PDB file of N, CA and C in Angstrom:
ATOM      1  N   MET A   1       5.376  40.207   5.514  1.00  0.00           N
ATOM      2  CA  MET A   1       5.803  39.217   4.554  1.00  0.00           C
ATOM      3  C   MET A   1       6.697  38.166   5.208  1.00  0.00           C
ATOM      4  N   ARG A   2       7.624  38.645   6.036  1.00  0.00           N
ATOM      5  CA  ARG A   2       8.544  37.714   6.684  1.00  0.00           C
ATOM      6  C   ARG A   2       7.795  36.759   7.616  1.00  0.00           C
ATOM      7  N   ARG A   3       6.786  37.267   8.334  1.00  0.00           N
ATOM      8  CA  ARG A   3       5.980  36.423   9.217  1.00  0.00           C
ATOM      9  C   ARG A   3       5.255  35.343   8.426  1.00  0.00           C
ATOM     10  N   THR A   4       4.777  35.700   7.262  1.00  0.00           N
ATOM     11  CA  THR A   4       4.070  34.743   6.416  1.00  0.00           C
ATOM     12  C   THR A   4       5.001  33.614   5.990  1.00  0.00           C
ATOM     13  N   VAL A   5       6.219  33.973   5.609  1.00  0.00           N
ATOM     14  CA  VAL A   5       7.195  32.966   5.192  1.00  0.00           C
ATOM     15  C   VAL A   5       7.546  32.065   6.370  1.00  0.00           C
ATOM     16  N   ILE A   6       7.746  32.636   7.532  1.00  0.00           N
ATOM     17  CA  ILE A   6       8.073  31.852   8.730  1.00  0.00           C
ATOM     18  C   ILE A   6       6.904  30.935   9.088  1.00  0.00           C
ATOM     19  N   ALA A   7       5.691  31.470   9.056  1.00  0.00           N
ATOM     20  CA  ALA A   7       4.509  30.664   9.376  1.00  0.00           C
ATOM     21  C   ALA A   7       4.331  29.526   8.373  1.00  0.00           C
ATOM     22  N   ALA A   8       4.527  29.821   7.105  1.00  0.00           N
ATOM     23  CA  ALA A   8       4.385  28.787   6.078  1.00  0.00           C
ATOM     24  C   ALA A   8       5.450  27.700   6.240  1.00  0.00           C
ATOM     25  N   THR A   9       6.669  28.116   6.551  1.00  0.00           N
ATOM     26  CA  THR A   9       7.753  27.158   6.751  1.00  0.00           C
ATOM     27  C   THR A   9       7.463  26.275   7.963  1.00  0.00           C
ATOM     28  N   ALA A  10       7.026  26.888   9.047  1.00  0.00           N
ATOM     29  CA  ALA A  10       6.695  26.119  10.258  1.00  0.00           C
ATOM     30  C   ALA A  10       5.559  25.142   9.977  1.00  0.00           C
ATOM     31  N   ALA A  11       4.531  25.594   9.281  1.00  0.00           N
ATOM     32  CA  ALA A  11       3.403  24.721   8.952  1.00  0.00           C
ATOM     33  C   ALA A  11       3.848  23.549   8.088  1.00  0.00           C
ATOM     34  N   PHE A  12       4.745  23.821   7.153  1.00  0.00           N
ATOM     35  CA  PHE A  12       5.256  22.772   6.276  1.00  0.00           C
ATOM     36  C   PHE A  12       5.979  21.695   7.085  1.00  0.00           C
ATOM     37  N   PHE A  13       6.876  22.113   7.978  1.00  0.00           N
ATOM     38  CA  PHE A  13       7.625  21.149   8.761  1.00  0.00           C
ATOM     39  C   PHE A  13       6.746  20.416   9.761  1.00  0.00           C
ATOM     40  N   LEU A  14       5.859  21.127  10.423  1.00  0.00           N
ATOM     41  CA  LEU A  14       4.964  20.476  11.382  1.00  0.00           C
ATOM     42  C   LEU A  14       4.025  19.513  10.677  1.00  0.00           C
ATOM     43  N   GLY A  15       3.542  19.885   9.527  1.00  0.00           N
ATOM     44  CA  GLY A  15       2.683  18.993   8.747  1.00  0.00           C
ATOM     45  C   GLY A  15       3.419  17.741   8.326  1.00  0.00           C
ATOM     46  N   GLY A  16       4.664  17.905   7.933  1.00  0.00           N
ATOM     47  CA  GLY A  16       5.476  16.748   7.552  1.00  0.00           C
ATOM     48  C   GLY A  16       5.727  15.817   8.713  1.00  0.00           C
ATOM     49  N   ILE A  17       5.990  16.380   9.875  1.00  0.00           N
ATOM     50  CA  ILE A  17       6.213  15.562  11.068  1.00  0.00           C
ATOM     51  C   ILE A  17       4.936  14.831  11.444  1.00  0.00           C
ATOM     52  N   ALA A  18       3.810  15.532  11.436  1.00  0.00           N
ATOM     53  CA  ALA A  18       2.535  14.913  11.779  1.00  0.00           C
ATOM     54  C   ALA A  18       2.190  13.816  10.779  1.00  0.00           C
ATOM     55  N   ASN A  19       2.410  14.054   9.519  1.00  0.00           N
ATOM     56  CA  ASN A  19       2.125  13.054   8.490  1.00  0.00           C
ATOM     57  C   ASN A  19       3.018  11.837   8.667  1.00  0.00           C
ATOM     58  N   HIS A  20       4.279  12.059   8.970  1.00  0.00           N
ATOM     59  CA  HIS A  20       5.215  10.961   9.178  1.00  0.00           C
ATOM     60  C   HIS A  20       4.789  10.127  10.387  1.00  0.00           C
ATOM     61  N   ALA A  21       4.406  10.800  11.477  1.00  0.00           N
ATOM     62  CA  ALA A  21       3.967  10.086  12.679  1.00  0.00           C
ATOM     63  C   ALA A  21       2.705   9.287  12.400  1.00  0.00           C
ATOM     64  N   TYR A  22       1.785   9.853  11.651  1.00  0.00           N
ATOM     65  CA  TYR A  22       0.544   9.151  11.351  1.00  0.00           C
ATOM     66  C   TYR A  22       0.805   7.963  10.432  1.00  0.00           C
ATOM     67  N   ALA A  23       1.702   8.115   9.487  1.00  0.00           N
ATOM     68  CA  ALA A  23       1.986   7.055   8.524  1.00  0.00           C
ATOM     69  C   ALA A  23       2.567   5.818   9.211  1.00  0.00           C
ATOM     70  N   GLU A  24       3.247   6.007  10.329  1.00  0.00           N
ATOM     71  CA  GLU A  24       3.882   4.885  11.011  1.00  0.00           C
ATOM     72  C   GLU A  24       3.143   4.486  12.280  1.00  0.00           C
ATOM     73  N   ARG A  25       1.879   4.845  12.389  1.00  0.00           N
ATOM     74  CA  ARG A  25       1.136   4.496  13.585  1.00  0.00           C
ATOM     75  C   ARG A  25       0.907   2.993  13.650  1.00  0.00           C
ATOM     76  N   GLN A  26       1.332   2.416  14.709  1.00  0.00           N
ATOM     77  CA  GLN A  26       1.066   1.035  15.051  1.00  0.00           C
ATOM     78  C   GLN A  26       1.439   0.027  13.966  1.00  0.00           C
ATOM     79  N   PRO A  27       2.648   0.102  13.456  1.00  0.00           N
ATOM     80  CA  PRO A  27       3.017  -0.833  12.386  1.00  0.00           C
ATOM     81  C   PRO A  27       2.968  -2.293  12.834  1.00  0.00           C
ATOM     82  N   LYS A  28       3.281  -2.562  14.079  1.00  0.00           N
ATOM     83  CA  LYS A  28       3.261  -3.949  14.566  1.00  0.00           C
ATOM     84  C   LYS A  28       1.833  -4.476  14.652  1.00  0.00           C
ATOM     85  N   MET A  29       0.911  -3.632  15.119  1.00  0.00           N
ATOM     86  CA  MET A  29      -0.495  -4.052  15.183  1.00  0.00           C
ATOM     87  C   MET A  29      -1.041  -4.278  13.783  1.00  0.00           C
ATOM     88  N   ARG A  30      -0.682  -3.426  12.843  1.00  0.00           N
ATOM     89  CA  ARG A  30      -1.159  -3.593  11.465  1.00  0.00           C
ATOM     90  C   ARG A  30      -0.555  -4.831  10.820  1.00  0.00           C
ATOM     91  N   ASP A  31       0.708  -5.115  11.132  1.00  0.00           N
ATOM     92  CA  ASP A  31       1.328  -6.355  10.648  1.00  0.00           C
ATOM     93  C   ASP A  31       0.604  -7.570  11.224  1.00  0.00           C
ATOM     94  N   ALA A  32       0.330  -7.521  12.524  1.00  0.00           N
ATOM     95  CA  ALA A  32      -0.381  -8.631  13.169  1.00  0.00           C
ATOM     96  C   ALA A  32      -1.754  -8.832  12.534  1.00  0.00           C
ATOM     97  N   LEU A  33      -2.441  -7.737  12.252  1.00  0.00           N
ATOM     98  CA  LEU A  33      -3.757  -7.822  11.623  1.00  0.00           C
ATOM     99  C   LEU A  33      -3.657  -8.490  10.256  1.00  0.00           C
ATOM    100  N   ALA A  34      -2.673  -8.109   9.479  1.00  0.00           N
ATOM    101  CA  ALA A  34      -2.495  -8.708   8.152  1.00  0.00           C
ATOM    102  C   ALA A  34      -2.199 -10.206   8.266  1.00  0.00           C
ATOM    103  N   HIS A  35      -1.371 -10.595   9.225  1.00  0.00           N
ATOM    104  CA  HIS A  35      -1.056 -12.013   9.418  1.00  0.00           C
ATOM    105  C   HIS A  35      -2.298 -12.799   9.845  1.00  0.00           C
ATOM    106  N   LEU A  36      -3.065 -12.210  10.744  1.00  0.00           N
ATOM    107  CA  LEU A  36      -4.284 -12.884  11.191  1.00  0.00           C
ATOM    108  C   LEU A  36      -5.281 -13.052  10.051  1.00  0.00           C
ATOM    109  N   GLU A  37      -5.407 -12.036   9.219  1.00  0.00           N
ATOM    110  CA  GLU A  37      -6.329 -12.129   8.089  1.00  0.00           C
ATOM    111  C   GLU A  37      -5.886 -13.207   7.103  1.00  0.00           C
ATOM    112  N   ARG A  38      -4.578 -13.321   6.883  1.00  0.00           N
ATOM    113  CA  ARG A  38      -4.077 -14.388   6.004  1.00  0.00           C
ATOM    114  C   ARG A  38      -4.297 -15.755   6.643  1.00  0.00           C
ATOM    115  N   ALA A  39      -4.093 -15.846   7.947  1.00  0.00           N
ATOM    116  CA  ALA A  39      -4.321 -17.108   8.653  1.00  0.00           C
ATOM    117  C   ALA A  39      -5.789 -17.511   8.560  1.00  0.00           C
ATOM    118  N   LEU A  40      -6.682 -16.543   8.696  1.00  0.00           N
ATOM    119  CA  LEU A  40      -8.109 -16.830   8.594  1.00  0.00           C
ATOM    120  C   LEU A  40      -8.456 -17.380   7.216  1.00  0.00           C
ATOM    121  N   THR A  41      -7.904 -16.790   6.193  1.00  0.00           N
ATOM    122  CA  THR A  41      -8.137 -17.279   4.830  1.00  0.00           C
ATOM    123  C   THR A  41      -7.635 -18.710   4.689  1.00  0.00           C
ATOM    124  N   SER A  42      -6.458 -18.986   5.217  1.00  0.00           N
ATOM    125  CA  SER A  42      -5.910 -20.342   5.141  1.00  0.00           C
ATOM    126  C   SER A  42      -6.786 -21.341   5.892  1.00  0.00           C
ATOM    127  N   LEU A  43      -7.239 -20.948   7.066  1.00  0.00           N
ATOM    128  CA  LEU A  43      -8.111 -21.835   7.850  1.00  0.00           C
ATOM    129  C   LEU A  43      -9.418 -22.122   7.112  1.00  0.00           C
ATOM    130  N   LYS A  44      -9.981 -21.102   6.508  1.00  0.00           N
ATOM    131  CA  LYS A  44     -11.238 -21.291   5.788  1.00  0.00           C
ATOM    132  C   LYS A  44     -11.055 -22.166   4.553  1.00  0.00           C
ATOM    133  N   ASN A  45      -9.860 -22.143   3.964  1.00  0.00           N
ATOM    134  CA  ASN A  45      -9.587 -22.937   2.771  1.00  0.00           C
ATOM    135  C   ASN A  45      -9.096 -24.350   3.090  1.00  0.00           C
ATOM    136  N   ALA A  46      -8.815 -24.635   4.355  1.00  0.00           N
ATOM    137  CA  ALA A  46      -8.338 -25.959   4.752  1.00  0.00           C
ATOM    138  C   ALA A  46      -9.474 -26.979   4.666  1.00  0.00           C
ATOM    139  N   SER A  47      -9.105 -28.240   4.562  1.00  0.00           N
ATOM    140  CA  SER A  47     -10.133 -29.285   4.524  1.00  0.00           C
ATOM    141  C   SER A  47     -10.896 -29.300   5.857  1.00  0.00           C
ATOM    142  N   GLU A  48     -12.115 -29.775   5.793  1.00  0.00           N
ATOM    143  CA  GLU A  48     -13.018 -29.646   6.942  1.00  0.00           C
ATOM    144  C   GLU A  48     -12.820 -30.702   8.020  1.00  0.00           C
ATOM    145  N   ASP A  49     -12.189 -31.806   7.743  1.00  0.00           N
ATOM    146  CA  ASP A  49     -12.103 -32.912   8.687  1.00  0.00           C
ATOM    147  C   ASP A  49     -10.985 -32.686   9.706  1.00  0.00           C
ATOM    148  N   LYS A  50     -11.283 -31.921  10.728  1.00  0.00           N
ATOM    149  CA  LYS A  50     -10.273 -31.622  11.759  1.00  0.00           C
ATOM    150  C   LYS A  50     -10.850 -31.808  13.164  1.00  0.00           C
ATOM    151  N   GLY A  51     -11.938 -32.546  13.279  1.00  0.00           N
ATOM    152  CA  GLY A  51     -12.529 -32.816  14.591  1.00  0.00           C
ATOM    153  C   GLY A  51     -13.061 -31.577  15.288  1.00  0.00           C
ATOM    154  N   GLY A  52     -13.456 -30.579  14.525  1.00  0.00           N
ATOM    155  CA  GLY A  52     -14.003 -29.353  15.100  1.00  0.00           C
ATOM    156  C   GLY A  52     -12.958 -28.304  15.444  1.00  0.00           C
ATOM    157  N   HIS A  53     -11.703 -28.676  15.398  1.00  0.00           N
ATOM    158  CA  HIS A  53     -10.636 -27.742  15.783  1.00  0.00           C
ATOM    159  C   HIS A  53     -10.464 -26.619  14.760  1.00  0.00           C
ATOM    160  N   ARG A  54     -10.626 -26.920  13.489  1.00  0.00           N
ATOM    161  CA  ARG A  54     -10.534 -25.893  12.442  1.00  0.00           C
ATOM    162  C   ARG A  54     -11.616 -24.844  12.641  1.00  0.00           C
ATOM    163  N   VAL A  55     -12.832 -25.288  12.896  1.00  0.00           N
ATOM    164  CA  VAL A  55     -13.946 -24.364  13.099  1.00  0.00           C
ATOM    165  C   VAL A  55     -13.693 -23.492  14.334  1.00  0.00           C
ATOM    166  N   LYS A  56     -13.200 -24.113  15.391  1.00  0.00           N
ATOM    167  CA  LYS A  56     -12.889 -23.343  16.610  1.00  0.00           C
ATOM    168  C   LYS A  56     -11.766 -22.343  16.338  1.00  0.00           C
ATOM    169  N   ALA A  57     -10.752 -22.762  15.579  1.00  0.00           N
ATOM    170  CA  ALA A  57      -9.640 -21.867  15.239  1.00  0.00           C
ATOM    171  C   ALA A  57     -10.134 -20.689  14.400  1.00  0.00           C
ATOM    172  N   ILE A  58     -11.078 -20.951  13.499  1.00  0.00           N
ATOM    173  CA  ILE A  58     -11.648 -19.855  12.693  1.00  0.00           C
ATOM    174  C   ILE A  58     -12.316 -18.839  13.607  1.00  0.00           C
ATOM    175  N   GLY A  59     -13.122 -19.316  14.537  1.00  0.00           N
ATOM    176  CA  GLY A  59     -13.800 -18.413  15.467  1.00  0.00           C
ATOM    177  C   GLY A  59     -12.832 -17.608  16.318  1.00  0.00           C
ATOM    178  N   LEU A  60     -11.810 -18.283  16.824  1.00  0.00           N
ATOM    179  CA  LEU A  60     -10.821 -17.588  17.660  1.00  0.00           C
ATOM    180  C   LEU A  60     -10.011 -16.585  16.850  1.00  0.00           C
ATOM    181  N   THR A  61      -9.698 -16.923  15.616  1.00  0.00           N
ATOM    182  CA  THR A  61      -8.953 -15.997  14.759  1.00  0.00           C
ATOM    183  C   THR A  61      -9.800 -14.782  14.428  1.00  0.00           C
ATOM    184  N   GLU A  62     -11.085 -14.994  14.154  1.00  0.00           N
ATOM    185  CA  GLU A  62     -11.988 -13.860  13.916  1.00  0.00           C
ATOM    186  C   GLU A  62     -12.080 -12.976  15.156  1.00  0.00           C
ATOM    187  N   GLN A  63     -12.099 -13.601  16.314  1.00  0.00           N
ATOM    188  CA  GLN A  63     -12.122 -12.853  17.575  1.00  0.00           C
ATOM    189  C   GLN A  63     -10.827 -12.058  17.746  1.00  0.00           C
ATOM    190  N   ALA A  64      -9.702 -12.667  17.421  1.00  0.00           N
ATOM    191  CA  ALA A  64      -8.404 -11.979  17.525  1.00  0.00           C
ATOM    192  C   ALA A  64      -8.349 -10.795  16.569  1.00  0.00           C
ATOM    193  N   ILE A  65      -8.850 -10.971  15.357  1.00  0.00           N
ATOM    194  CA  ILE A  65      -8.886  -9.870  14.385  1.00  0.00           C
ATOM    195  C   ILE A  65      -9.698  -8.712  14.942  1.00  0.00           C
ATOM    196  N   SER A  66     -10.838  -9.027  15.517  1.00  0.00           N
ATOM    197  CA  SER A  66     -11.689  -7.993  16.104  1.00  0.00           C
ATOM    198  C   SER A  66     -10.974  -7.253  17.234  1.00  0.00           C
ATOM    199  N   GLU A  67     -10.280  -8.001  18.086  1.00  0.00           N
ATOM    200  CA  GLU A  67      -9.562  -7.380  19.209  1.00  0.00           C
ATOM    201  C   GLU A  67      -8.424  -6.488  18.729  1.00  0.00           C
ATOM    202  N   VAL A  68      -7.698  -6.925  17.715  1.00  0.00           N
ATOM    203  CA  VAL A  68      -6.608  -6.104  17.178  1.00  0.00           C
ATOM    204  C   VAL A  68      -7.177  -4.816  16.588  1.00  0.00           C
ATOM    205  N   ARG A  69      -8.262  -4.922  15.838  1.00  0.00           N
ATOM    206  CA  ARG A  69      -8.899  -3.723  15.269  1.00  0.00           C
ATOM    207  C   ARG A  69      -9.354  -2.773  16.376  1.00  0.00           C
ATOM    208  N   GLU A  70      -9.954  -3.315  17.433  1.00  0.00           N
ATOM    209  CA  GLU A  70     -10.383  -2.472  18.549  1.00  0.00           C
ATOM    210  C   GLU A  70      -9.190  -1.818  19.246  1.00  0.00           C
ATOM    211  N   GLY A  71      -8.099  -2.555  19.361  1.00  0.00           N
ATOM    212  CA  GLY A  71      -6.881  -1.994  19.962  1.00  0.00           C
ATOM    213  C   GLY A  71      -6.328  -0.848  19.137  1.00  0.00           C
ATOM    214  N   ILE A  72      -6.351  -0.993  17.820  1.00  0.00           N
ATOM    215  CA  ILE A  72      -5.884   0.079  16.938  1.00  0.00           C
ATOM    216  C   ILE A  72      -6.774   1.298  17.078  1.00  0.00           C
ATOM    217  N   LYS A  73      -8.089   1.092  17.074  1.00  0.00           N
ATOM    218  CA  LYS A  73      -9.029   2.208  17.230  1.00  0.00           C
ATOM    219  C   LYS A  73      -8.802   2.915  18.563  1.00  0.00           C
ATOM    220  N   PHE A  74      -8.636   2.131  19.640  1.00  0.00           N
ATOM    221  CA  PHE A  74      -8.440   2.708  20.972  1.00  0.00           C
ATOM    222  C   PHE A  74      -7.187   3.564  20.989  1.00  0.00           C
ATOM    223  N   ASP A  75      -6.093   3.032  20.472  1.00  0.00           N
ATOM    224  CA  ASP A  75      -4.838   3.781  20.487  1.00  0.00           C
ATOM    225  C   ASP A  75      -4.910   5.024  19.630  1.00  0.00           C
ATOM    226  N   ASN A  76      -5.627   4.969  18.527  1.00  0.00           N
ATOM    227  CA  ASN A  76      -5.759   6.146  17.670  1.00  0.00           C
ATOM    228  C   ASN A  76      -6.529   7.266  18.352  1.00  0.00           C
ATOM    229  N   ARG A  77      -7.390   6.927  19.298  1.00  0.00           N
ATOM    230  CA  ARG A  77      -8.173   7.946  19.999  1.00  0.00           C
ATOM    231  C   ARG A  77      -7.486   8.483  21.223  1.00  0.00           C
ATOM    232  N   HIS A  78      -6.447   7.798  21.710  1.00  0.00           N
ATOM    233  CA  HIS A  78      -5.804   8.231  22.960  1.00  0.00           C
ATOM    234  C   HIS A  78      -4.364   8.590  22.774  1.00  0.00           C
TER     235      HIS A  78
END
Protein backbone atom coordinates (compact mmCIF):
# COMPACT_ATOMS: atom_id res chain seq x y z
CA MET A 1 0.00 0.00 0.00
CA ARG A 2 2.77 2.41 0.92
CA ARG A 3 4.56 1.75 -2.39
CA THR A 4 1.36 2.53 -4.27
CA VAL A 5 0.99 5.86 -2.47
CA ILE A 6 4.63 6.75 -3.13
CA ALA A 7 4.35 5.74 -6.80
CA ALA A 8 1.13 7.71 -7.24
CA THR A 9 2.65 10.77 -5.57
CA ALA A 10 5.77 10.57 -7.74
CA ALA A 11 3.66 10.16 -10.89
CA PHE A 12 1.56 13.16 -9.90
CA PHE A 13 4.57 15.42 -9.42
CA LEU A 14 6.42 14.18 -12.49
CA GLY A 15 3.29 14.58 -14.59
CA GLY A 16 2.86 18.11 -13.33
CA ILE A 17 6.45 18.99 -14.14
CA ALA A 18 6.19 17.46 -17.61
CA ASN A 19 2.91 19.27 -18.27
CA HIS A 20 4.37 22.56 -17.09
CA ALA A 21 7.44 22.12 -19.32
CA TYR A 22 5.28 21.26 -22.31
CA ALA A 23 2.92 24.18 -21.71
CA GLU A 24 5.81 26.65 -21.91
CA ARG A 25 7.60 25.14 -24.89
CA GLN A 26 9.00 27.77 -27.17
CA PRO A 27 6.93 30.75 -26.06
CA LYS A 28 9.11 33.17 -28.06
CA MET A 29 8.74 31.16 -31.27
CA ARG A 30 4.98 30.95 -30.76
CA ASP A 31 4.83 34.70 -30.11
CA ALA A 32 6.83 35.32 -33.28
CA LEU A 33 4.47 33.06 -35.22
CA ALA A 34 1.44 34.97 -33.96
CA HIS A 35 3.04 38.31 -34.90
CA LEU A 36 3.93 37.06 -38.36
CA GLU A 37 0.40 35.78 -38.93
CA ARG A 38 -1.03 39.17 -37.92
CA ALA A 39 1.47 40.92 -40.18
CA LEU A 40 0.44 38.68 -43.07
CA THR A 41 -3.20 39.58 -42.54
CA SER A 42 -2.32 43.27 -42.51
CA LEU A 43 -0.27 42.95 -45.68
CA LYS A 44 -3.06 41.12 -47.46
CA ASN A 45 -5.55 43.81 -46.40
CA ALA A 46 -3.31 46.71 -47.49
CA SER A 47 -3.99 48.56 -50.72
CA GLU A 48 -2.39 46.97 -53.76
CA ASP A 49 -0.46 49.93 -55.20
CA LYS A 50 2.98 49.39 -53.67
CA GLY A 51 5.14 48.77 -56.75
CA GLY A 52 5.24 45.03 -56.13
CA HIS A 53 6.76 45.39 -52.67
CA ARG A 54 3.56 44.38 -50.85
CA VAL A 55 3.31 41.19 -52.90
CA LYS A 56 6.98 40.40 -52.23
CA ALA A 57 6.48 41.10 -48.50
CA ILE A 58 3.50 38.72 -48.46
CA GLY A 59 5.63 35.97 -49.99
CA LEU A 60 8.51 36.56 -47.60
CA THR A 61 6.18 36.65 -44.60
CA GLU A 62 4.59 33.37 -45.68
CA GLN A 63 8.09 31.93 -46.01
CA ALA A 64 8.99 33.20 -42.52
CA ILE A 65 5.83 31.63 -41.08
CA SER A 66 6.77 28.33 -42.66
CA GLU A 67 10.31 28.51 -41.27
CA VAL A 68 9.11 29.31 -37.75
CA ARG A 69 6.67 26.38 -37.87
CA GLU A 70 9.45 24.07 -39.07
CA GLY A 71 11.72 25.34 -36.29
CA ILE A 72 9.05 24.58 -33.70
CA LYS A 73 8.52 21.09 -35.12
CA PHE A 74 12.29 20.45 -35.16
CA ASP A 75 12.74 21.55 -31.56
CA ASN A 76 9.78 19.49 -30.40
CA ARG A 77 11.40 16.37 -31.84
CA HIS A 78 14.87 16.97 -30.40
